[in-house]
Every structure is written in C-alpha cells, then in structure tokens.
Amino acid sequence: MARPEVKAVRNLLGTPVSYAYAVKAGPWIFLNGHEAFDFESGIPEEVAGWAGFPLFGQPRSRREGDFILHRMRRILREFGSDLPQGVRLDRYYPHPRAVAAYHLARHAEFGDYIPPSTSVIMERCFSADTTISSSLIAVVPGAEYEIRKIHPEGVSSAPSSGFVPTVVCNEFVFVAGQMAHNPGQGLDPRAHVPDHSAWAGAEIRKQTEFLIREKLEPALEAAGSSLERSLKAQIYLANVADFPDFIDVWTEHFAAIPCAVTVVPTKSFATVGGIIEINLLALTNTATREKQVIEADIPGMAAYGPCIKSGEFLLPSGLMAIGHRGQVVGAALSPGSTGLAHAGYSQAAAVYKYAEALCRAAGTALANTLRAQYFVSDVTQFPGIAIAWAAQFGTQPHPFICIQTPTAMPAPGAALIADFWISTVS
C-alpha cells in the first residue's frame, strides 16, 4: 500500500492551521470532520440563507446536510469513489432537531444504501455556527473491496434512520452504533431497571450487557465474525460517573479478547432512556490479517484499553494525558492560562508522545495518522492542540475532527480524549 494521499487546505479559514479534509491510504478514504463551511471563506450564503429572511427555503440543518454531502461526493469522485462506497458514517449534533433534517439530506444523496452510522448529541460542533459534523470512511471500488450488506435478525436501525446495521468490506466488519433498544419501540425491557424498583441492578450495566449479547454478538455472527475478532470499539456514555460500571461489564467479556476502546462523554442519544451507544470494527473469522497487541511504556491510566495493530491499521484506544501517578499532565503548571489554551497544548503534546511510542513499537509513525478525533471539554482548547501538532509535525496537514463533549471528563481537569486511526505503512 502506498503512502497516504492527502487533500488539504493550507490555511483553514485564514489561520495557520493546515487541515487535511481527506486522506486516502490504499483503497481506504477518510473524510474528516466536515461541517457546512467553506474551508477558506466560512459559511456560504447557500447554507446561511438570506440575511434578511434566514427562515426562507429549506431548514438550516437541511442546507448544511446538503452542503456537506455534495462536497463529500465531489471529493470521493476525485479519488475514484462515491458515497455508495461508504462503510462508516460518524455524525455529531448540538441538538436533536438537526438530526431529522440531516436524515432528509442523507436519504436524498445516498439513496437505498446508507452505511453503518453513529449519531449522538454533543455540546457543540467545531464551529459554533454549524449543527452537523460528519465524517466518512469509504473505499475505492474493486473486486476485493466489494461491500456486503448484513441485516442481522434483531439488529436494525430506526425506521427514520435506515442505515445498514453491518457491512463487510474485504476482511473488515463495520458494525453501526448500537443502542439497547428495539428500533421504533424504545428501550428493551431486558436492558432496563424496572420503573417500580429502587434497586434491581444498575441501568448502565444492564444496557451494556444487553448491547454486547443481543446486538454486537449477533451482528458479528451474521457477518461471519465473532467477539474474539473485535479490533476497536467506540463507546458513548451519557453520564461520566458510569465509566467504572461500563468498564467492569466490558472487561467481563473482553478481558481475554484484546480490543481497542475509546469511551466518550456524550450529551444524549436517539432513544429516550438510552445512556450508551457502541460501534465496532472487527475482522472476519476467515481473515488473513492478524490482530496484534502493541505495548509501549506509557501510563496505564492513559487509556481504557490496548492498542491493536491489524494489517494496514494501527488502532490505539482513546488516549488521555494522564501521567504515571494518575495526574493530568500540565494541570499544576498553569491552570489559569486559558487564554493560551494551555490545557489543550500540554495534554495534546503528552497524547502525541504516548501515541508516538505506540507507533514506534508497531513499526510506524504518528505522521501516518489517517484520522485524529479530538473529544474536548471546551472547543477553545483546540488552538493548543493545533500548536502541539505544529510543534511536532510543522506544516503537515492535520486530519482532525474536533467535537465538544459535556464538560465532565473521566479525570477532573482532562481537556481531551484523542482517538487515532494510523497507517502502518511508513
């Protein structure tokens, strides 16, 4: 596989931030952090609407969805691909109203096939003026990279969403974000503490157990895979206090099954009462790619899971800037220097150090990053993250997604959780 091919804007919105909005590695295409603004000039009139009559025409979020998907389609075609070659969609919204409008745009552009998707409500997108942040992984069509759509019994999307719950592409299985519900009917009673009971188990434990047994396992089995072949999971939690209970249940199933895991604080979900959503990447049972755990001398509390190498991808668990003694890196140095985005800088620099150590152990380099998702407690810390990136990589384009979570993070004072996809081709 050749080195990644990057499409970038050198000065995002007139700043020194060099932004990689698309990265192609072999047949895989990553479109990162797309929101409805022009990379050079900001939000265009077609999105903002008429200055004197902004409610004229389509709803604002529908205009945003159309803008994002039209641009994604154009970029994919430049790479010899198109929207129907998508294998995973990640979307973040600041409020639920934007979702329905985006679904209309998505159905209009994708047609009958909508890739496995994750949609959650966060505090805000990268831009305060946008209501949708969308990222896509797609492939260049070819005989070895045909997309096989799987509809496991009992694992489906809500009627309003319509995404395919699971696809197989080459040897990889992509499982859409799953919740402990029966689509269109609400939470499954098996995943819920009865309303009449003051104590009958913990809600997070019930929903997590249900998701693993009744959603992830059937989805993988239908795709010719299994939990043992899991590579990487993203977990979105509505309450940061639920992290320990979630990890406890997760570990019961995955202690002997290495799987990278990124746990992210989240504002809310599609299903009322839902407090967790999980998406998953796995290998098929017949895959020739192997699954290897990569170890390096980084603090044990910096991640909730291992770093996994499989074929062309290095997949660390979500990384936080936690030191060897459990302290947040840089927290004591200058806690009041918010004007310098000091927390973003010092914590990103520590995270890059950890990620680079894992890359060296895997025989690659962090410069081969295909996607860097930053889940931040305050988006105004991003300039510090950008400075840390530039300090390490100069003007190399940054393939970032930046989303503001609710304020509470797993460790008090933590400013970010970083989730990377990295190419193993140096």
Protein backbone atom coordinates (compact mmCIF):
# COMPACT_ATOMS: atom_id res chain seq x y z
CA MET A 1 0.00 0.00 0.00
CA ALA A 2 1.38 3.40 -0.98
CA ARG A 3 1.87 6.24 1.48
CA PRO A 4 -1.33 8.18 2.27
CA GLU A 5 -2.52 10.70 -0.28
CA VAL A 6 -3.78 13.89 1.36
CA LYS A 7 -6.17 16.61 0.24
CA ALA A 8 -5.74 19.67 2.43
CA VAL A 9 -6.25 23.39 2.78
CA ARG A 10 -3.07 25.14 3.87
CA ASN A 11 -4.70 27.93 5.90
CA LEU A 12 -8.05 26.88 7.32
CA LEU A 13 -10.28 29.98 7.40
CA GLY A 14 -7.20 32.18 7.08
CA THR A 15 -5.40 30.71 10.09
CA PRO A 16 -2.05 28.85 10.16
CA VAL A 17 -3.94 25.58 10.73
CA SER A 18 -3.28 23.22 7.82
CA TYR A 19 -6.32 20.93 7.64
CA ALA A 20 -6.42 17.53 5.91
CA TYR A 21 -10.07 17.16 4.97
CA ALA A 22 -9.45 13.90 3.10
CA VAL A 23 -6.83 11.16 3.39
CA LYS A 24 -6.55 8.14 1.09
CA ALA A 25 -4.49 5.13 2.20
CA GLY A 26 -4.54 2.32 -0.34
CA PRO A 27 -8.24 1.74 -1.10
CA TRP A 28 -9.43 3.43 2.13
CA ILE A 29 -10.63 7.03 2.10
CA PHE A 30 -11.11 9.09 5.28
CA LEU A 31 -13.17 12.29 5.08
CA ASN A 32 -12.56 14.01 8.40
CA GLY A 33 -14.64 16.50 10.38
CA HIS A 34 -16.76 18.01 7.63
CA GLU A 35 -19.05 20.87 8.64
CA ALA A 36 -21.02 23.24 6.46
CA PHE A 37 -18.41 25.92 5.94
CA ASP A 38 -16.08 26.64 3.06
CA PHE A 39 -12.51 25.88 4.12
CA GLU A 40 -11.32 29.32 3.04
CA SER A 41 -14.25 31.71 3.35
CA GLY A 42 -16.53 30.32 6.06
CA ILE A 43 -20.26 29.64 5.92
CA PRO A 44 -21.56 30.29 2.39
CA GLU A 45 -24.81 32.00 1.54
CA GLU A 46 -26.35 28.74 0.34
CA VAL A 47 -26.06 27.47 3.92
CA ALA A 48 -26.66 30.69 5.87
CA GLY A 49 -29.70 31.67 3.80
CA TRP A 50 -30.90 35.18 3.05
CA ALA A 51 -29.55 37.66 5.58
CA GLY A 52 -32.91 39.40 5.94
CA PHE A 53 -35.03 36.22 5.79
CA PRO A 54 -32.99 33.25 7.07
CA LEU A 55 -36.09 31.04 7.50
CA PHE A 56 -36.87 31.17 3.79
CA GLY A 57 -36.42 27.86 1.97
CA GLN A 58 -35.15 24.60 3.41
CA PRO A 59 -34.42 24.30 7.16
CA ARG A 60 -30.90 25.43 8.07
CA SER A 61 -29.73 21.92 9.07
CA ARG A 62 -31.03 20.51 5.78
CA ARG A 63 -28.97 23.10 3.91
CA GLU A 64 -25.96 22.09 6.00
CA GLY A 65 -26.52 18.40 5.25
CA ASP A 66 -26.83 19.05 1.52
CA PHE A 67 -23.65 21.15 1.52
CA ILE A 68 -21.62 18.53 3.41
CA LEU A 69 -22.77 15.58 1.33
CA HIS A 70 -22.37 17.37 -2.01
CA ARG A 71 -18.77 18.20 -1.06
CA MET A 72 -18.11 14.66 0.19
CA ARG A 73 -19.40 13.23 -3.07
CA ARG A 74 -17.17 15.55 -5.10
CA ILE A 75 -14.08 14.62 -3.08
CA LEU A 76 -14.81 10.91 -3.27
CA ARG A 77 -15.21 11.11 -7.04
CA GLU A 78 -11.80 12.78 -7.26
CA PHE A 79 -10.44 9.62 -5.61
CA GLY A 80 -12.40 7.32 -7.94
CA SER A 81 -15.09 6.51 -5.38
CA ASP A 82 -18.55 7.77 -4.39
CA LEU A 83 -20.98 7.91 -1.46
CA PRO A 84 -22.34 4.37 -2.07
CA GLN A 85 -18.82 3.12 -1.29
CA GLY A 86 -19.06 4.32 2.30
CA VAL A 87 -18.55 1.79 5.08
CA ARG A 88 -18.93 4.02 8.14
CA LEU A 89 -20.51 7.38 8.99
CA ASP A 90 -19.90 9.32 12.21
CA ARG A 91 -22.08 12.33 12.96
CA TYR A 92 -22.32 14.73 15.87
CA TYR A 93 -25.01 17.33 16.52
CA PRO A 94 -25.53 20.02 19.19
CA HIS A 95 -29.28 19.34 19.38
CA PRO A 96 -31.72 16.64 18.18
CA ARG A 97 -33.59 18.97 15.81
CA ALA A 98 -30.68 18.85 13.38
CA VAL A 99 -30.86 15.07 13.02
CA ALA A 100 -34.20 14.82 11.23
CA ALA A 101 -33.18 17.49 8.71
CA TYR A 102 -29.86 15.75 8.09
CA HIS A 103 -31.64 12.42 7.56
CA LEU A 104 -33.58 14.01 4.70
CA ALA A 105 -30.33 15.15 3.08
CA ARG A 106 -28.72 11.77 3.67
CA HIS A 107 -31.57 9.81 2.09
CA ALA A 108 -31.54 12.16 -0.89
CA GLU A 109 -27.81 11.68 -1.50
CA PHE A 110 -27.19 8.06 -0.51
CA GLY A 111 -30.39 6.59 -1.89
CA ASP A 112 -31.11 2.98 -0.95
CA TYR A 113 -27.82 2.32 0.86
CA ILE A 114 -26.79 4.24 3.94
CA PRO A 115 -23.57 2.96 5.56
CA PRO A 116 -23.36 1.87 9.21
CA SER A 117 -23.78 5.05 11.22
CA THR A 118 -23.28 6.57 14.64
CA SER A 119 -25.26 9.67 15.61
CA VAL A 120 -25.01 11.30 19.04
CA ILE A 121 -25.77 14.68 20.57
CA MET A 122 -22.76 16.61 21.82
CA GLU A 123 -22.32 20.05 23.38
CA ARG A 124 -21.28 21.70 20.11
CA CYS A 125 -19.56 21.13 16.79
CA PHE A 126 -16.18 22.61 15.88
CA SER A 127 -17.89 25.72 14.58
CA ALA A 128 -20.40 27.41 16.85
CA ASP A 129 -22.48 28.24 13.76
CA THR A 130 -22.96 24.68 12.50
CA THR A 131 -25.32 21.93 13.61
CA ILE A 132 -23.76 18.89 11.92
CA SER A 133 -20.25 17.41 11.97
CA SER A 134 -19.91 14.44 9.66
CA SER A 135 -17.05 12.06 8.91
CA LEU A 136 -16.98 9.16 6.48
CA ILE A 137 -14.81 6.15 5.76
CA ALA A 138 -15.17 4.83 2.22
CA VAL A 139 -13.33 2.57 -0.22
CA VAL A 140 -12.34 2.73 -3.84
CA PRO A 141 -14.49 0.15 -5.63
CA GLY A 142 -12.74 -3.04 -6.66
CA ALA A 143 -13.20 -6.79 -6.77
CA GLU A 144 -11.51 -7.25 -3.39
CA TYR A 145 -13.35 -4.37 -1.73
CA GLU A 146 -16.98 -5.02 -2.52
CA ILE A 147 -19.37 -4.01 0.24
CA ARG A 148 -21.55 -6.83 1.57
CA LYS A 149 -24.61 -5.60 3.46
CA ILE A 150 -25.71 -7.58 6.50
CA HIS A 151 -29.10 -7.33 8.21
CA PRO A 152 -28.84 -9.48 11.36
CA GLU A 153 -32.09 -10.52 12.96
CA GLY A 154 -32.87 -8.24 15.88
CA VAL A 155 -30.15 -5.75 14.92
CA SER A 156 -31.62 -2.99 12.82
CA SER A 157 -31.75 0.77 12.58
CA ALA A 158 -34.67 3.01 13.46
CA PRO A 159 -37.14 3.45 10.57
CA SER A 160 -36.23 7.15 10.31
CA SER A 161 -32.51 6.33 10.00
CA GLY A 162 -32.48 3.44 7.57
CA PHE A 163 -28.75 2.69 7.74
CA VAL A 164 -27.44 -0.82 7.15
CA PRO A 165 -26.51 -2.14 10.61
CA THR A 166 -23.46 -4.12 9.49
CA VAL A 167 -21.29 -4.33 6.40
CA VAL A 168 -18.32 -6.49 5.43
CA CYS A 169 -15.63 -5.00 3.20
CA ASN A 170 -12.60 -7.11 2.36
CA GLU A 171 -11.81 -8.71 5.76
CA PHE A 172 -13.26 -5.94 7.93
CA VAL A 173 -16.65 -5.84 9.62
CA PHE A 174 -18.19 -2.45 10.40
CA VAL A 175 -20.99 -2.51 12.98
CA ALA A 176 -23.11 0.62 13.27
CA GLY A 177 -23.68 2.41 16.56
CA GLN A 178 -25.96 0.19 18.60
CA MET A 179 -28.30 1.07 21.46
CA ALA A 180 -30.17 -1.12 23.92
CA HIS A 181 -33.48 -0.62 22.16
CA ASN A 182 -35.91 -2.19 19.77
CA PRO A 183 -35.89 0.32 16.91
CA GLY A 184 -39.08 2.33 16.83
CA GLN A 185 -40.21 0.87 20.17
CA GLY A 186 -37.84 2.25 22.80
CA LEU A 187 -35.60 0.53 25.33
CA ASP A 188 -35.79 -3.23 25.52
CA PRO A 189 -37.21 -4.21 28.94
CA ARG A 190 -34.30 -6.62 29.41
CA ALA A 191 -31.92 -3.64 29.36
CA HIS A 192 -33.86 -1.52 31.81
CA VAL A 193 -34.19 -1.38 35.58
CA PRO A 194 -37.97 -1.61 36.18
CA ASP A 195 -39.56 1.72 36.98
CA HIS A 196 -41.13 0.26 40.10
CA SER A 197 -37.79 -0.86 41.54
CA ALA A 198 -35.42 1.24 43.63
CA TRP A 199 -32.65 -1.30 43.15
CA ALA A 200 -32.66 -4.14 40.64
CA GLY A 201 -29.24 -3.73 39.09
CA ALA A 202 -27.63 -0.67 37.56
CA GLU A 203 -29.03 0.79 34.34
CA ILE A 204 -25.61 1.15 32.71
CA ARG A 205 -24.71 -2.46 33.48
CA LYS A 206 -28.00 -3.73 32.07
CA GLN A 207 -27.71 -1.69 28.87
CA THR A 208 -24.05 -2.63 28.35
CA GLU A 209 -24.69 -6.34 28.87
CA PHE A 210 -27.67 -6.22 26.53
CA LEU A 211 -25.67 -4.43 23.83
CA ILE A 212 -22.86 -6.98 23.91
CA ARG A 213 -25.07 -10.08 23.98
CA GLU A 214 -28.08 -9.00 21.93
CA LYS A 215 -26.57 -6.53 19.46
CA LEU A 216 -22.82 -6.90 18.94
CA GLU A 217 -22.58 -10.69 19.12
CA PRO A 218 -25.49 -11.31 16.68
CA ALA A 219 -24.22 -8.59 14.31
CA LEU A 220 -20.75 -10.13 14.20
CA GLU A 221 -22.02 -13.68 13.87
CA ALA A 222 -24.24 -12.74 10.93
CA ALA A 223 -21.20 -11.16 9.26
CA GLY A 224 -19.03 -14.25 9.72
CA SER A 225 -17.16 -12.80 12.67
CA SER A 226 -17.17 -13.01 16.47
CA LEU A 227 -16.34 -11.01 19.58
CA GLU A 228 -12.88 -12.57 19.55
CA ARG A 229 -12.19 -10.83 16.24
CA SER A 230 -13.05 -7.35 17.57
CA LEU A 231 -10.46 -4.67 16.83
CA LYS A 232 -11.80 -1.33 18.01
CA ALA A 233 -14.93 -0.02 19.73
CA GLN A 234 -16.18 3.48 20.39
CA ILE A 235 -18.44 3.85 23.39
CA TYR A 236 -20.51 6.95 24.03
CA LEU A 237 -21.80 7.41 27.60
CA ALA A 238 -24.37 9.91 28.84
CA ASN A 239 -23.00 10.03 32.39
CA VAL A 240 -19.28 10.16 33.11
CA ALA A 241 -19.97 8.55 36.50
CA ASP A 242 -20.98 5.38 34.63
CA PHE A 243 -17.44 4.84 33.27
CA PRO A 244 -16.35 2.37 36.02
CA ASP A 245 -19.50 0.21 35.76
CA PHE A 246 -19.28 0.19 31.97
CA ILE A 247 -15.63 -0.86 32.01
CA ASP A 248 -16.38 -3.57 34.58
CA VAL A 249 -19.05 -5.17 32.38
CA TRP A 250 -16.99 -4.68 29.22
CA THR A 251 -13.98 -6.36 30.84
CA GLU A 252 -16.07 -9.39 31.79
CA HIS A 253 -16.46 -10.05 28.07
CA PHE A 254 -13.22 -8.63 26.66
CA ALA A 255 -10.55 -9.32 29.30
CA ALA A 256 -9.14 -12.14 27.18
CA ILE A 257 -10.10 -10.51 23.87
CA PRO A 258 -7.82 -7.57 23.04
CA CYS A 259 -9.94 -4.75 21.64
CA ALA A 260 -9.10 -1.05 21.49
CA VAL A 261 -11.75 1.04 23.20
CA THR A 262 -12.48 4.76 23.24
CA VAL A 263 -15.00 5.93 25.85
CA VAL A 264 -16.51 9.37 25.23
CA PRO A 265 -18.79 11.57 27.39
CA THR A 266 -21.96 12.32 25.45
CA LYS A 267 -24.93 14.62 25.92
CA SER A 268 -27.82 12.46 24.67
CA PHE A 269 -28.96 9.83 22.18
CA ALA A 270 -31.76 8.96 19.77
CA THR A 271 -33.64 6.71 22.20
CA VAL A 272 -35.18 8.26 25.30
CA GLY A 273 -33.68 6.48 28.30
CA GLY A 274 -30.69 5.29 26.31
CA ILE A 275 -27.43 6.07 28.11
CA ILE A 276 -24.88 4.24 25.95
CA GLU A 277 -24.12 3.64 22.27
CA ILE A 278 -21.39 1.36 20.87
CA ASN A 279 -19.96 0.98 17.38
CA LEU A 280 -17.43 -1.70 16.50
CA LEU A 281 -14.77 -2.68 13.97
CA ALA A 282 -13.79 -6.34 13.66
CA LEU A 283 -12.15 -8.89 11.38
CA THR A 284 -13.98 -11.76 9.77
CA ASN A 285 -13.27 -15.23 11.12
CA THR A 286 -11.51 -16.14 7.86
CA ALA A 287 -9.32 -13.01 7.71
CA THR A 288 -5.67 -13.43 6.87
CA ARG A 289 -4.86 -10.23 8.74
CA GLU A 290 -3.75 -10.87 12.30
CA LYS A 291 -4.62 -8.99 15.46
CA GLN A 292 -1.59 -7.89 17.47
CA VAL A 293 -1.46 -6.06 20.79
CA ILE A 294 1.11 -3.24 20.74
CA GLU A 295 2.69 -2.29 24.05
CA ALA A 296 4.85 0.69 24.95
CA ASP A 297 6.00 2.46 28.10
CA ILE A 298 3.02 4.75 28.53
CA PRO A 299 0.99 5.32 31.72
CA GLY A 300 -1.56 2.59 32.41
CA MET A 301 -4.31 5.13 33.11
CA ALA A 302 -3.81 6.95 29.80
CA ALA A 303 -6.25 4.60 28.03
CA TYR A 304 -9.11 2.28 28.92
CA GLY A 305 -7.86 -0.48 26.63
CA PRO A 306 -5.00 -1.78 24.48
CA CYS A 307 -3.54 -0.61 21.19
CA ILE A 308 -4.27 -3.01 18.32
CA LYS A 309 -2.38 -3.47 15.08
CA SER A 310 -4.12 -5.27 12.24
CA GLY A 311 -2.90 -5.21 8.67
CA GLU A 312 -2.70 -1.64 7.39
CA PHE A 313 -4.12 -0.04 10.55
CA LEU A 314 -2.81 0.81 13.99
CA LEU A 315 -5.75 1.40 16.31
CA PRO A 316 -4.93 2.79 19.75
CA SER A 317 -7.56 3.02 22.43
CA GLY A 318 -8.67 6.55 23.20
CA LEU A 319 -5.77 8.38 24.81
CA MET A 320 -5.86 10.88 27.67
CA ALA A 321 -2.97 12.90 29.09
CA ILE A 322 -2.77 11.02 32.38
CA GLY A 323 0.66 10.56 33.93
CA HIS A 324 2.17 7.54 35.67
CA ARG A 325 0.89 8.71 39.08
CA GLY A 326 -2.66 9.31 37.84
CA GLN A 327 -2.28 13.08 37.47
CA VAL A 328 -3.49 15.13 34.49
CA VAL A 329 -0.40 16.29 32.60
CA GLY A 330 0.24 20.01 32.90
CA ALA A 331 -2.66 20.63 35.30
CA ALA A 332 -0.45 22.12 38.01
CA LEU A 333 1.74 24.22 35.73
CA SER A 334 -0.66 26.90 34.60
CA PRO A 335 -4.29 26.08 35.37
CA GLY A 336 -5.39 29.68 34.88
CA SER A 337 -3.82 30.21 31.46
CA THR A 338 -6.99 29.58 29.48
CA GLY A 339 -6.02 32.36 27.09
CA LEU A 340 -3.07 30.26 25.95
CA ALA A 341 -5.19 27.11 25.56
CA HIS A 342 -2.51 25.67 27.84
CA ALA A 343 -4.50 22.55 28.75
CA GLY A 344 -5.07 21.75 25.08
CA TYR A 345 -1.40 22.23 24.27
CA SER A 346 0.16 20.36 27.20
CA GLN A 347 -2.31 17.49 27.07
CA ALA A 348 -2.14 17.09 23.29
CA ALA A 349 1.66 17.10 23.47
CA ALA A 350 1.52 14.30 26.06
CA VAL A 351 -1.00 12.33 23.99
CA TYR A 352 1.21 12.65 20.90
CA LYS A 353 4.14 11.38 22.95
CA TYR A 354 2.12 8.34 24.02
CA ALA A 355 0.81 7.71 20.51
CA GLU A 356 4.30 8.07 19.01
CA ALA A 357 5.64 5.48 21.45
CA LEU A 358 2.93 3.06 20.35
CA CYS A 359 3.70 3.82 16.71
CA ARG A 360 7.40 3.10 17.18
CA ALA A 361 6.58 -0.21 18.84
CA ALA A 362 4.37 -1.04 15.86
CA GLY A 363 6.96 -0.03 13.27
CA THR A 364 5.16 3.06 12.03
CA ALA A 365 4.95 6.78 12.89
CA LEU A 366 2.28 9.17 14.12
CA ALA A 367 2.93 11.24 10.98
CA ASN A 368 0.95 8.49 9.19
CA THR A 369 -2.25 9.48 11.02
CA LEU A 370 -5.34 8.97 8.87
CA ARG A 371 -7.86 10.34 11.34
CA ALA A 372 -7.46 12.19 14.65
CA GLN A 373 -10.70 12.61 16.58
CA TYR A 374 -10.48 15.05 19.47
CA PHE A 375 -13.28 14.96 22.01
CA VAL A 376 -12.71 18.09 24.09
CA SER A 377 -14.32 19.55 27.20
CA ASP A 378 -14.04 23.02 25.67
CA VAL A 379 -13.51 23.63 21.95
CA THR A 380 -11.48 26.77 22.73
CA GLN A 381 -8.67 24.38 23.74
CA PHE A 382 -8.23 23.41 20.08
CA PRO A 383 -5.66 26.16 19.35
CA GLY A 384 -3.43 24.50 21.95
CA ILE A 385 -3.92 21.15 20.22
CA ALA A 386 -3.06 22.75 16.87
CA ILE A 387 0.11 24.29 18.35
CA ALA A 388 1.16 20.90 19.74
CA TRP A 389 0.57 19.32 16.31
CA ALA A 390 2.59 22.03 14.55
CA ALA A 391 5.40 21.72 17.11
CA GLN A 392 5.73 18.05 16.22
CA PHE A 393 4.84 17.99 12.52
CA GLY A 394 5.39 21.52 11.23
CA THR A 395 3.06 22.35 8.37
CA GLN A 396 1.97 18.75 7.75
CA PRO A 397 -1.82 18.84 7.28
CA HIS A 398 -3.79 17.83 10.34
CA PRO A 399 -6.58 15.24 9.66
CA PHE A 400 -8.66 16.29 12.63
CA ILE A 401 -12.20 16.12 13.90
CA CYS A 402 -12.91 18.28 16.97
CA ILE A 403 -16.12 17.93 18.97
CA GLN A 404 -17.03 19.48 22.30
CA THR A 405 -18.39 17.00 24.82
CA PRO A 406 -20.24 17.80 28.03
CA THR A 407 -17.84 19.44 30.48
CA ALA A 408 -17.30 16.44 32.76
CA MET A 409 -14.40 14.24 31.68
CA PRO A 410 -13.27 10.90 33.20
CA ALA A 411 -10.41 12.65 35.03
CA PRO A 412 -11.06 16.11 36.52
CA GLY A 413 -9.07 18.63 34.53
CA ALA A 414 -8.77 16.45 31.43
CA ALA A 415 -9.27 18.59 28.33
CA LEU A 416 -9.36 15.95 25.63
CA ILE A 417 -9.70 12.32 24.63
CA ALA A 418 -7.88 11.55 21.36
CA ASP A 419 -8.89 8.71 19.06
CA PHE A 420 -6.50 7.81 16.21
CA TRP A 421 -6.53 5.68 13.08
CA ILE A 422 -2.92 5.36 11.89
CA SER A 423 -1.49 3.75 8.76
CA THR A 424 1.13 1.07 9.36
CA VAL A 425 2.77 1.88 6.03
CA SER A 426 5.82 4.08 6.68
